[in-house]
Amino acid sequence: MSDSRYITVTAEAHLTPDQLAECFWELDSDEQARFMARLHQVAGAGLGFQAIAIRESCERLNKLGEYAALDAFQTLGGHAYKFGLVNERLDEWGIPDVPRVRA
């Protein structure tokens, strides 16, 4: 007798930016890191250009009094940048076997 409790369903869902943000926030840090890795794979060379476009959109919202987008973008980017600087210093100091982020 086959197990008929399971079915396969194919569906299409259009998530809003609010829903995507909530989904992302529900991920733990390892899952968020895997998300970032996949984003890099999907975007390829366009990721830097998209980051510029996102920054410009955040600045437009900021001028309208909606500060959260620019604050979040700067917070994430600022911490990533600072981590990269720390890694460069570790290289200079000759400290081996430390997980590193490379641009």
C-alpha atoms as a PDB file:
ATOM      1  CA  MET A   1       0.000   0.000   0.000  1.00  0.00           C
ATOM      2  CA  SER A   2       1.437   3.396  -0.940  1.00  0.00           C
ATOM      3  CA  ASP A   3       1.633   6.293   1.455  1.00  0.00           C
ATOM      4  CA  SER A   4      -1.080   8.613   0.130  1.00  0.00           C
ATOM      5  CA  ARG A   5      -0.750  11.235   2.830  1.00  0.00           C
ATOM      6  CA  TYR A   6       1.609  13.307   0.709  1.00  0.00           C
ATOM      7  CA  ILE A   7       0.945  15.155  -2.504  1.00  0.00           C
ATOM      8  CA  THR A   8       3.126  17.396  -4.610  1.00  0.00           C
ATOM      9  CA  VAL A   9       1.784  20.872  -5.214  1.00  0.00           C
ATOM     10  CA  THR A  10       3.257  23.419  -7.566  1.00  0.00           C
ATOM     11  CA  ALA A  11       2.343  27.001  -6.797  1.00  0.00           C
ATOM     12  CA  GLU A  12       3.465  30.474  -7.679  1.00  0.00           C
ATOM     13  CA  ALA A  13       3.675  33.098  -4.953  1.00  0.00           C
ATOM     14  CA  HIS A  14       4.541  36.749  -5.321  1.00  0.00           C
ATOM     15  CA  LEU A  15       6.105  37.973  -2.098  1.00  0.00           C
ATOM     16  CA  THR A  16       6.118  41.637  -1.164  1.00  0.00           C
ATOM     17  CA  PRO A  17       9.277  43.319   0.139  1.00  0.00           C
ATOM     18  CA  ASP A  18       7.675  43.246   3.602  1.00  0.00           C
ATOM     19  CA  GLN A  19       7.144  39.485   3.388  1.00  0.00           C
ATOM     20  CA  LEU A  20      10.667  38.884   2.091  1.00  0.00           C
ATOM     21  CA  ALA A  21      12.108  40.925   4.955  1.00  0.00           C
ATOM     22  CA  GLU A  22      10.106  38.933   7.499  1.00  0.00           C
ATOM     23  CA  CYS A  23      11.240  35.642   5.931  1.00  0.00           C
ATOM     24  CA  PHE A  24      14.875  36.777   5.931  1.00  0.00           C
ATOM     25  CA  TRP A  25      14.657  37.827   9.579  1.00  0.00           C
ATOM     26  CA  GLU A  26      13.287  34.411  10.564  1.00  0.00           C
ATOM     27  CA  LEU A  27      16.493  32.771   9.266  1.00  0.00           C
ATOM     28  CA  ASP A  28      19.352  32.181  11.677  1.00  0.00           C
ATOM     29  CA  SER A  29      22.733  33.760  10.932  1.00  0.00           C
ATOM     30  CA  ASP A  30      24.047  30.689   9.074  1.00  0.00           C
ATOM     31  CA  GLU A  31      20.959  30.642   6.865  1.00  0.00           C
ATOM     32  CA  GLN A  32      21.281  34.384   6.267  1.00  0.00           C
ATOM     33  CA  ALA A  33      24.903  33.838   5.245  1.00  0.00           C
ATOM     34  CA  ARG A  34      23.803  31.113   2.796  1.00  0.00           C
ATOM     35  CA  PHE A  35      21.178  33.538   1.483  1.00  0.00           C
ATOM     36  CA  MET A  36      23.912  36.124   0.860  1.00  0.00           C
ATOM     37  CA  ALA A  37      26.057  33.523  -0.893  1.00  0.00           C
ATOM     38  CA  ARG A  38      23.174  32.542  -3.151  1.00  0.00           C
ATOM     39  CA  LEU A  39      22.366  36.203  -3.835  1.00  0.00           C
ATOM     40  CA  HIS A  40      25.968  36.654  -4.955  1.00  0.00           C
ATOM     41  CA  GLN A  41      25.678  33.617  -7.270  1.00  0.00           C
ATOM     42  CA  VAL A  42      22.385  34.785  -8.756  1.00  0.00           C
ATOM     43  CA  ALA A  43      23.462  38.408  -9.234  1.00  0.00           C
ATOM     44  CA  GLY A  44      27.022  37.805 -10.356  1.00  0.00           C
ATOM     45  CA  ALA A  45      28.758  40.952 -11.534  1.00  0.00           C
ATOM     46  CA  GLY A  46      25.492  42.878 -11.257  1.00  0.00           C
ATOM     47  CA  LEU A  47      25.520  42.804  -7.453  1.00  0.00           C
ATOM     48  CA  GLY A  48      27.701  45.896  -7.133  1.00  0.00           C
ATOM     49  CA  PHE A  49      25.571  47.840  -9.597  1.00  0.00           C
ATOM     50  CA  GLN A  50      22.421  46.762  -7.778  1.00  0.00           C
ATOM     51  CA  ALA A  51      23.958  47.900  -4.486  1.00  0.00           C
ATOM     52  CA  ILE A  52      24.431  51.353  -6.007  1.00  0.00           C
ATOM     53  CA  ALA A  53      20.801  51.387  -7.174  1.00  0.00           C
ATOM     54  CA  ILE A  54      19.609  50.263  -3.727  1.00  0.00           C
ATOM     55  CA  ARG A  55      21.653  53.016  -2.100  1.00  0.00           C
ATOM     56  CA  GLU A  56      20.077  55.609  -4.398  1.00  0.00           C
ATOM     57  CA  SER A  57      16.573  54.310  -3.637  1.00  0.00           C
ATOM     58  CA  CYS A  58      17.322  54.359   0.095  1.00  0.00           C
ATOM     59  CA  GLU A  59      18.508  57.957  -0.193  1.00  0.00           C
ATOM     60  CA  ARG A  60      15.275  58.940  -2.002  1.00  0.00           C
ATOM     61  CA  LEU A  61      13.221  57.376   0.794  1.00  0.00           C
ATOM     62  CA  ASN A  62      15.423  59.101   3.357  1.00  0.00           C
ATOM     63  CA  LYS A  63      14.643  62.499   1.776  1.00  0.00           C
ATOM     64  CA  LEU A  64      10.938  61.677   2.164  1.00  0.00           C
ATOM     65  CA  GLY A  65      11.426  61.083   5.873  1.00  0.00           C
ATOM     66  CA  GLU A  66      11.545  57.272   5.648  1.00  0.00           C
ATOM     67  CA  TYR A  67      14.865  56.635   7.378  1.00  0.00           C
ATOM     68  CA  ALA A  68      14.694  52.883   8.087  1.00  0.00           C
ATOM     69  CA  ALA A  69      15.858  51.661   4.651  1.00  0.00           C
ATOM     70  CA  LEU A  70      19.032  53.749   4.575  1.00  0.00           C
ATOM     71  CA  ASP A  71      19.764  52.938   8.204  1.00  0.00           C
ATOM     72  CA  ALA A  72      19.450  49.188   7.576  1.00  0.00           C
ATOM     73  CA  PHE A  73      21.515  49.355   4.383  1.00  0.00           C
ATOM     74  CA  GLN A  74      24.291  51.336   6.084  1.00  0.00           C
ATOM     75  CA  THR A  75      24.231  49.076   9.155  1.00  0.00           C
ATOM     76  CA  LEU A  76      24.644  45.875   7.143  1.00  0.00           C
ATOM     77  CA  GLY A  77      27.195  47.390   4.785  1.00  0.00           C
ATOM     78  CA  GLY A  78      29.118  49.095   7.567  1.00  0.00           C
ATOM     79  CA  HIS A  79      29.574  45.911   9.548  1.00  0.00           C
ATOM     80  CA  ALA A  80      30.640  43.984   6.433  1.00  0.00           C
ATOM     81  CA  TYR A  81      33.157  46.706   5.566  1.00  0.00           C
ATOM     82  CA  LYS A  82      34.570  46.799   9.092  1.00  0.00           C
ATOM     83  CA  PHE A  83      34.930  43.004   9.118  1.00  0.00           C
ATOM     84  CA  GLY A  84      36.866  43.202   5.850  1.00  0.00           C
ATOM     85  CA  LEU A  85      39.216  45.785   7.369  1.00  0.00           C
ATOM     86  CA  VAL A  86      39.823  43.546  10.376  1.00  0.00           C
ATOM     87  CA  ASN A  87      40.658  40.652   8.043  1.00  0.00           C
ATOM     88  CA  GLU A  88      43.175  42.783   6.162  1.00  0.00           C
ATOM     89  CA  ARG A  89      44.855  43.702   9.448  1.00  0.00           C
ATOM     90  CA  LEU A  90      44.992  40.029  10.457  1.00  0.00           C
ATOM     91  CA  ASP A  91      46.770  39.304   7.178  1.00  0.00           C
ATOM     92  CA  GLU A  92      49.266  42.073   7.886  1.00  0.00           C
ATOM     93  CA  TRP A  93      49.900  40.682  11.348  1.00  0.00           C
ATOM     94  CA  GLY A  94      50.374  37.168   9.964  1.00  0.00           C
ATOM     95  CA  ILE A  95      47.554  35.593  11.971  1.00  0.00           C
ATOM     96  CA  PRO A  96      46.613  32.319  10.193  1.00  0.00           C
ATOM     97  CA  ASP A  97      43.495  30.151  10.148  1.00  0.00           C
ATOM     98  CA  VAL A  98      40.937  32.859  10.867  1.00  0.00           C
ATOM     99  CA  PRO A  99      37.697  32.752   8.835  1.00  0.00           C
ATOM    100  CA  ARG A 100      37.878  35.624   6.370  1.00  0.00           C
ATOM    101  CA  VAL A 101      35.577  37.501   4.042  1.00  0.00           C
ATOM    102  CA  ARG A 102      36.987  38.501   0.683  1.00  0.00           C
ATOM    103  CA  ALA A 103      35.424  41.027  -1.631  1.00  0.00           C
END
